[in-house]
PDB file of N, CA and C in Angstrom:
ATOM      1  N   MET A   1      27.632  45.476 -24.633  1.00  0.00           N
ATOM      2  CA  MET A   1      26.320  45.524 -24.020  1.00  0.00           C
ATOM      3  C   MET A   1      25.491  46.602 -24.699  1.00  0.00           C
ATOM      4  N   ALA A   2      24.293  46.269 -25.083  1.00  0.00           N
ATOM      5  CA  ALA A   2      23.393  47.220 -25.718  1.00  0.00           C
ATOM      6  C   ALA A   2      22.568  47.947 -24.663  1.00  0.00           C
ATOM      7  N   VAL A   3      22.357  49.230 -24.909  1.00  0.00           N
ATOM      8  CA  VAL A   3      21.489  50.023 -24.052  1.00  0.00           C
ATOM      9  C   VAL A   3      20.230  50.320 -24.857  1.00  0.00           C
ATOM     10  N   LEU A   4      19.064  49.973 -24.278  1.00  0.00           N
ATOM     11  CA  LEU A   4      17.795  50.174 -24.954  1.00  0.00           C
ATOM     12  C   LEU A   4      16.982  51.237 -24.232  1.00  0.00           C
ATOM     13  N   LYS A   5      16.187  51.953 -24.999  1.00  0.00           N
ATOM     14  CA  LYS A   5      15.325  52.983 -24.444  1.00  0.00           C
ATOM     15  C   LYS A   5      13.908  52.739 -24.948  1.00  0.00           C
ATOM     16  N   VAL A   6      12.914  53.097 -24.134  1.00  0.00           N
ATOM     17  CA  VAL A   6      11.509  52.927 -24.505  1.00  0.00           C
ATOM     18  C   VAL A   6      10.828  54.287 -24.486  1.00  0.00           C
ATOM     19  N   ILE A   7      10.090  54.576 -25.562  1.00  0.00           N
ATOM     20  CA  ILE A   7       9.279  55.790 -25.612  1.00  0.00           C
ATOM     21  C   ILE A   7       7.826  55.382 -25.838  1.00  0.00           C
ATOM     22  N   GLU A   8       6.925  56.244 -25.432  1.00  0.00           N
ATOM     23  CA  GLU A   8       5.501  55.985 -25.612  1.00  0.00           C
ATOM     24  C   GLU A   8       4.978  56.913 -26.705  1.00  0.00           C
ATOM     25  N   VAL A   9       4.212  56.347 -27.626  1.00  0.00           N
ATOM     26  CA  VAL A   9       3.703  57.092 -28.773  1.00  0.00           C
ATOM     27  C   VAL A   9       2.207  56.811 -28.921  1.00  0.00           C
ATOM     28  N   LEU A  10       1.450  57.846 -29.220  1.00  0.00           N
ATOM     29  CA  LEU A  10       0.021  57.714 -29.487  1.00  0.00           C
ATOM     30  C   LEU A  10      -0.216  58.006 -30.958  1.00  0.00           C
ATOM     31  N   ALA A  11      -1.103  57.236 -31.596  1.00  0.00           N
ATOM     32  CA  ALA A  11      -1.405  57.455 -33.010  1.00  0.00           C
ATOM     33  C   ALA A  11      -2.856  57.075 -33.291  1.00  0.00           C
ATOM     34  N   SER A  12      -3.365  57.584 -34.425  1.00  0.00           N
ATOM     35  CA  SER A  12      -4.740  57.253 -34.799  1.00  0.00           C
ATOM     36  C   SER A  12      -4.852  57.088 -36.307  1.00  0.00           C
ATOM     37  N   SER A  13      -5.938  56.433 -36.715  1.00  0.00           N
ATOM     38  CA  SER A  13      -6.199  56.189 -38.128  1.00  0.00           C
ATOM     39  C   SER A  13      -7.701  56.003 -38.329  1.00  0.00           C
ATOM     40  N   PRO A  14      -8.219  56.455 -39.454  1.00  0.00           N
ATOM     41  CA  PRO A  14      -9.637  56.175 -39.743  1.00  0.00           C
ATOM     42  C   PRO A  14      -9.866  54.755 -40.257  1.00  0.00           C
ATOM     43  N   GLN A  15      -8.777  54.015 -40.622  1.00  0.00           N
ATOM     44  CA  GLN A  15      -8.924  52.675 -41.197  1.00  0.00           C
ATOM     45  C   GLN A  15      -8.912  51.545 -40.170  1.00  0.00           C
ATOM     46  N   SER A  16      -7.848  51.477 -39.339  1.00  0.00           N
ATOM     47  CA  SER A  16      -7.704  50.332 -38.435  1.00  0.00           C
ATOM     48  C   SER A  16      -6.648  50.604 -37.375  1.00  0.00           C
ATOM     49  N   TRP A  17      -6.619  49.725 -36.354  1.00  0.00           N
ATOM     50  CA  TRP A  17      -5.569  49.820 -35.334  1.00  0.00           C
ATOM     51  C   TRP A  17      -4.214  49.500 -35.956  1.00  0.00           C
ATOM     52  N   GLU A  18      -4.179  48.541 -36.855  1.00  0.00           N
ATOM     53  CA  GLU A  18      -2.930  48.185 -37.520  1.00  0.00           C
ATOM     54  C   GLU A  18      -2.380  49.371 -38.313  1.00  0.00           C
ATOM     55  N   ASP A  19      -3.242  50.070 -39.026  1.00  0.00           N
ATOM     56  CA  ASP A  19      -2.808  51.241 -39.790  1.00  0.00           C
ATOM     57  C   ASP A  19      -2.291  52.334 -38.857  1.00  0.00           C
ATOM     58  N   ALA A  20      -2.945  52.517 -37.724  1.00  0.00           N
ATOM     59  CA  ALA A  20      -2.486  53.513 -36.748  1.00  0.00           C
ATOM     60  C   ALA A  20      -1.097  53.149 -36.229  1.00  0.00           C
ATOM     61  N   ALA A  21      -0.867  51.863 -35.954  1.00  0.00           N
ATOM     62  CA  ALA A  21       0.447  51.417 -35.475  1.00  0.00           C
ATOM     63  C   ALA A  21       1.510  51.618 -36.545  1.00  0.00           C
ATOM     64  N   ARG A  22       1.188  51.294 -37.779  1.00  0.00           N
ATOM     65  CA  ARG A  22       2.141  51.489 -38.883  1.00  0.00           C
ATOM     66  C   ARG A  22       2.490  52.970 -39.064  1.00  0.00           C
ATOM     67  N   LYS A  23       1.495  53.825 -38.950  1.00  0.00           N
ATOM     68  CA  LYS A  23       1.737  55.271 -39.069  1.00  0.00           C
ATOM     69  C   LYS A  23       2.627  55.777 -37.940  1.00  0.00           C
ATOM     70  N   ALA A  24       2.415  55.259 -36.734  1.00  0.00           N
ATOM     71  CA  ALA A  24       3.236  55.665 -35.586  1.00  0.00           C
ATOM     72  C   ALA A  24       4.690  55.280 -35.800  1.00  0.00           C
ATOM     73  N   ILE A  25       4.933  54.055 -36.262  1.00  0.00           N
ATOM     74  CA  ILE A  25       6.304  53.593 -36.506  1.00  0.00           C
ATOM     75  C   ILE A  25       6.940  54.386 -37.646  1.00  0.00           C
ATOM     76  N   ALA A  26       6.191  54.641 -38.695  1.00  0.00           N
ATOM     77  CA  ALA A  26       6.720  55.411 -39.835  1.00  0.00           C
ATOM     78  C   ALA A  26       7.128  56.817 -39.389  1.00  0.00           C
ATOM     79  N   GLN A  27       6.307  57.440 -38.581  1.00  0.00           N
ATOM     80  CA  GLN A  27       6.615  58.796 -38.112  1.00  0.00           C
ATOM     81  C   GLN A  27       7.784  58.788 -37.137  1.00  0.00           C
ATOM     82  N   ALA A  28       7.777  57.855 -36.182  1.00  0.00           N
ATOM     83  CA  ALA A  28       8.857  57.788 -35.184  1.00  0.00           C
ATOM     84  C   ALA A  28      10.195  57.484 -35.840  1.00  0.00           C
ATOM     85  N   SER A  29      10.200  56.642 -36.872  1.00  0.00           N
ATOM     86  CA  SER A  29      11.462  56.247 -37.508  1.00  0.00           C
ATOM     87  C   SER A  29      12.127  57.388 -38.278  1.00  0.00           C
ATOM     88  N   LYS A  30      11.433  58.499 -38.452  1.00  0.00           N
ATOM     89  CA  LYS A  30      12.043  59.671 -39.084  1.00  0.00           C
ATOM     90  C   LYS A  30      13.109  60.290 -38.184  1.00  0.00           C
ATOM     91  N   THR A  31      12.934  60.165 -36.871  1.00  0.00           N
ATOM     92  CA  THR A  31      13.896  60.761 -35.941  1.00  0.00           C
ATOM     93  C   THR A  31      14.524  59.756 -34.986  1.00  0.00           C
ATOM     94  N   VAL A  32      13.902  58.603 -34.805  1.00  0.00           N
ATOM     95  CA  VAL A  32      14.428  57.577 -33.906  1.00  0.00           C
ATOM     96  C   VAL A  32      15.013  56.455 -34.756  1.00  0.00           C
ATOM     97  N   LYS A  33      16.273  56.160 -34.534  1.00  0.00           N
ATOM     98  CA  LYS A  33      16.955  55.104 -35.293  1.00  0.00           C
ATOM     99  C   LYS A  33      17.075  53.843 -34.446  1.00  0.00           C
ATOM    100  N   ASN A  34      17.335  52.733 -35.100  1.00  0.00           N
ATOM    101  CA  ASN A  34      17.566  51.451 -34.439  1.00  0.00           C
ATOM    102  C   ASN A  34      16.354  50.948 -33.646  1.00  0.00           C
ATOM    103  N   ILE A  35      15.150  51.137 -34.202  1.00  0.00           N
ATOM    104  CA  ILE A  35      13.951  50.623 -33.542  1.00  0.00           C
ATOM    105  C   ILE A  35      14.013  49.099 -33.553  1.00  0.00           C
ATOM    106  N   ARG A  36      13.827  48.508 -32.377  1.00  0.00           N
ATOM    107  CA  ARG A  36      13.929  47.055 -32.222  1.00  0.00           C
ATOM    108  C   ARG A  36      12.560  46.385 -32.146  1.00  0.00           C
ATOM    109  N   SER A  37      11.613  47.022 -31.431  1.00  0.00           N
ATOM    110  CA  SER A  37      10.306  46.389 -31.257  1.00  0.00           C
ATOM    111  C   SER A  37       9.248  47.422 -30.909  1.00  0.00           C
ATOM    112  N   VAL A  38       8.010  46.974 -31.012  1.00  0.00           N
ATOM    113  CA  VAL A  38       6.876  47.817 -30.634  1.00  0.00           C
ATOM    114  C   VAL A  38       5.901  46.963 -29.838  1.00  0.00           C
ATOM    115  N   TYR A  39       5.369  47.524 -28.777  1.00  0.00           N
ATOM    116  CA  TYR A  39       4.402  46.849 -27.932  1.00  0.00           C
ATOM    117  C   TYR A  39       3.127  47.681 -27.924  1.00  0.00           C
ATOM    118  N   VAL A  40       2.026  47.079 -28.342  1.00  0.00           N
ATOM    119  CA  VAL A  40       0.745  47.772 -28.328  1.00  0.00           C
ATOM    120  C   VAL A  40       0.210  47.697 -26.904  1.00  0.00           C
ATOM    121  N   GLN A  41       0.258  48.816 -26.222  1.00  0.00           N
ATOM    122  CA  GLN A  41      -0.145  48.863 -24.824  1.00  0.00           C
ATOM    123  C   GLN A  41      -1.662  48.990 -24.685  1.00  0.00           C
ATOM    124  N   ASP A  42      -2.276  49.760 -25.582  1.00  0.00           N
ATOM    125  CA  ASP A  42      -3.704  50.022 -25.444  1.00  0.00           C
ATOM    126  C   ASP A  42      -4.306  50.333 -26.801  1.00  0.00           C
ATOM    127  N   GLN A  43      -5.569  49.988 -26.967  1.00  0.00           N
ATOM    128  CA  GLN A  43      -6.316  50.312 -28.180  1.00  0.00           C
ATOM    129  C   GLN A  43      -7.644  50.919 -27.765  1.00  0.00           C
ATOM    130  N   SER A  44      -8.092  51.897 -28.537  1.00  0.00           N
ATOM    131  CA  SER A  44      -9.406  52.481 -28.297  1.00  0.00           C
ATOM    132  C   SER A  44      -9.960  52.982 -29.621  1.00  0.00           C
ATOM    133  N   ALA A  45     -11.217  53.377 -29.603  1.00  0.00           N
ATOM    134  CA  ALA A  45     -11.852  53.855 -30.827  1.00  0.00           C
ATOM    135  C   ALA A  45     -12.844  54.954 -30.493  1.00  0.00           C
ATOM    136  N   VAL A  46     -13.066  55.820 -31.474  1.00  0.00           N
ATOM    137  CA  VAL A  46     -14.063  56.881 -31.362  1.00  0.00           C
ATOM    138  C   VAL A  46     -15.271  56.450 -32.187  1.00  0.00           C
ATOM    139  N   VAL A  47     -16.445  56.536 -31.592  1.00  0.00           N
ATOM    140  CA  VAL A  47     -17.667  56.135 -32.279  1.00  0.00           C
ATOM    141  C   VAL A  47     -18.515  57.372 -32.566  1.00  0.00           C
ATOM    142  N   GLN A  48     -18.948  57.490 -33.810  1.00  0.00           N
ATOM    143  CA  GLN A  48     -19.874  58.551 -34.215  1.00  0.00           C
ATOM    144  C   GLN A  48     -21.094  57.885 -34.829  1.00  0.00           C
ATOM    145  N   GLY A  49     -22.249  58.136 -34.249  1.00  0.00           N
ATOM    146  CA  GLY A  49     -23.453  57.463 -34.709  1.00  0.00           C
ATOM    147  C   GLY A  49     -23.376  55.991 -34.362  1.00  0.00           C
ATOM    148  N   SER A  50     -23.403  55.144 -35.373  1.00  0.00           N
ATOM    149  CA  SER A  50     -23.309  53.702 -35.137  1.00  0.00           C
ATOM    150  C   SER A  50     -22.067  53.091 -35.779  1.00  0.00           C
ATOM    151  N   ASP A  51     -21.049  53.940 -36.029  1.00  0.00           N
ATOM    152  CA  ASP A  51     -19.849  53.459 -36.710  1.00  0.00           C
ATOM    153  C   ASP A  51     -18.595  53.985 -36.035  1.00  0.00           C
ATOM    154  N   ILE A  52     -17.502  53.259 -36.166  1.00  0.00           N
ATOM    155  CA  ILE A  52     -16.205  53.708 -35.647  1.00  0.00           C
ATOM    156  C   ILE A  52     -15.614  54.711 -36.632  1.00  0.00           C
ATOM    157  N   SER A  53     -15.282  55.887 -36.114  1.00  0.00           N
ATOM    158  CA  SER A  53     -14.717  56.925 -36.977  1.00  0.00           C
ATOM    159  C   SER A  53     -13.208  57.061 -36.853  1.00  0.00           C
ATOM    160  N   GLU A  54     -12.640  56.551 -35.756  1.00  0.00           N
ATOM    161  CA  GLU A  54     -11.196  56.683 -35.554  1.00  0.00           C
ATOM    162  C   GLU A  54     -10.695  55.560 -34.650  1.00  0.00           C
ATOM    163  N   PHE A  55      -9.616  54.918 -35.071  1.00  0.00           N
ATOM    164  CA  PHE A  55      -8.956  53.875 -34.288  1.00  0.00           C
ATOM    165  C   PHE A  55      -7.719  54.491 -33.649  1.00  0.00           C
ATOM    166  N   ARG A  56      -7.513  54.251 -32.359  1.00  0.00           N
ATOM    167  CA  ARG A  56      -6.371  54.832 -31.645  1.00  0.00           C
ATOM    168  C   ARG A  56      -5.535  53.742 -30.995  1.00  0.00           C
ATOM    169  N   VAL A  57      -4.211  53.926 -31.014  1.00  0.00           N
ATOM    170  CA  VAL A  57      -3.301  53.000 -30.350  1.00  0.00           C
ATOM    171  C   VAL A  57      -2.317  53.766 -29.474  1.00  0.00           C
ATOM    172  N   ASN A  58      -1.946  53.130 -28.396  1.00  0.00           N
ATOM    173  CA  ASN A  58      -0.911  53.634 -27.504  1.00  0.00           C
ATOM    174  C   ASN A  58       0.211  52.605 -27.574  1.00  0.00           C
ATOM    175  N   LEU A  59       1.360  53.000 -28.110  1.00  0.00           N
ATOM    176  CA  LEU A  59       2.469  52.076 -28.356  1.00  0.00           C
ATOM    177  C   LEU A  59       3.665  52.396 -27.473  1.00  0.00           C
ATOM    178  N   LYS A  60       4.428  51.366 -27.160  1.00  0.00           N
ATOM    179  CA  LYS A  60       5.743  51.537 -26.543  1.00  0.00           C
ATOM    180  C   LYS A  60       6.755  51.064 -27.580  1.00  0.00           C
ATOM    181  N   ILE A  61       7.635  51.950 -27.962  1.00  0.00           N
ATOM    182  CA  ILE A  61       8.649  51.660 -28.988  1.00  0.00           C
ATOM    183  C   ILE A  61       9.995  51.518 -28.294  1.00  0.00           C
ATOM    184  N   THR A  62      10.670  50.401 -28.564  1.00  0.00           N
ATOM    185  CA  THR A  62      11.993  50.143 -27.981  1.00  0.00           C
ATOM    186  C   THR A  62      13.044  50.315 -29.062  1.00  0.00           C
ATOM    187  N   PHE A  63      14.098  51.063 -28.736  1.00  0.00           N
ATOM    188  CA  PHE A  63      15.191  51.272 -29.686  1.00  0.00           C
ATOM    189  C   PHE A  63      16.525  51.241 -28.967  1.00  0.00           C
ATOM    190  N   GLU A  64      17.570  50.934 -29.732  1.00  0.00           N
ATOM    191  CA  GLU A  64      18.915  50.856 -29.177  1.00  0.00           C
ATOM    192  C   GLU A  64      19.568  52.226 -29.210  1.00  0.00           C
ATOM    193  N   VAL A  65      20.164  52.600 -28.096  1.00  0.00           N
ATOM    194  CA  VAL A  65      20.874  53.871 -27.978  1.00  0.00           C
ATOM    195  C   VAL A  65      22.303  53.652 -28.465  1.00  0.00           C
ATOM    196  N   GLN A  66      22.746  54.453 -29.406  1.00  0.00           N
ATOM    197  CA  GLN A  66      24.096  54.357 -29.966  1.00  0.00           C
ATOM    198  C   GLN A  66      25.028  55.340 -29.294  1.00  0.00           C
ATOM    199  N   ASP A  67      26.305  54.988 -29.247  1.00  0.00           N
ATOM    200  CA  ASP A  67      27.329  55.898 -28.686  1.00  0.00           C
ATOM    201  C   ASP A  67      27.575  57.048 -29.631  1.00  0.00           C
TER     202      ASP A  67
END
């Protein structure tokens, strides 16, 4: 039987929500092993003037806990 754990991670990017999600997974995978899935819980953006300056994502990362 596998035991799974979920953590919540926030990340941002000046390019896109997808880039922010990729950066979050890249950073989390440095210390969290056996990542199984990611769920994008929320997306938001910061607007400066008439343009988006920062894309933000709130992710739930699921990984398997090893003995």
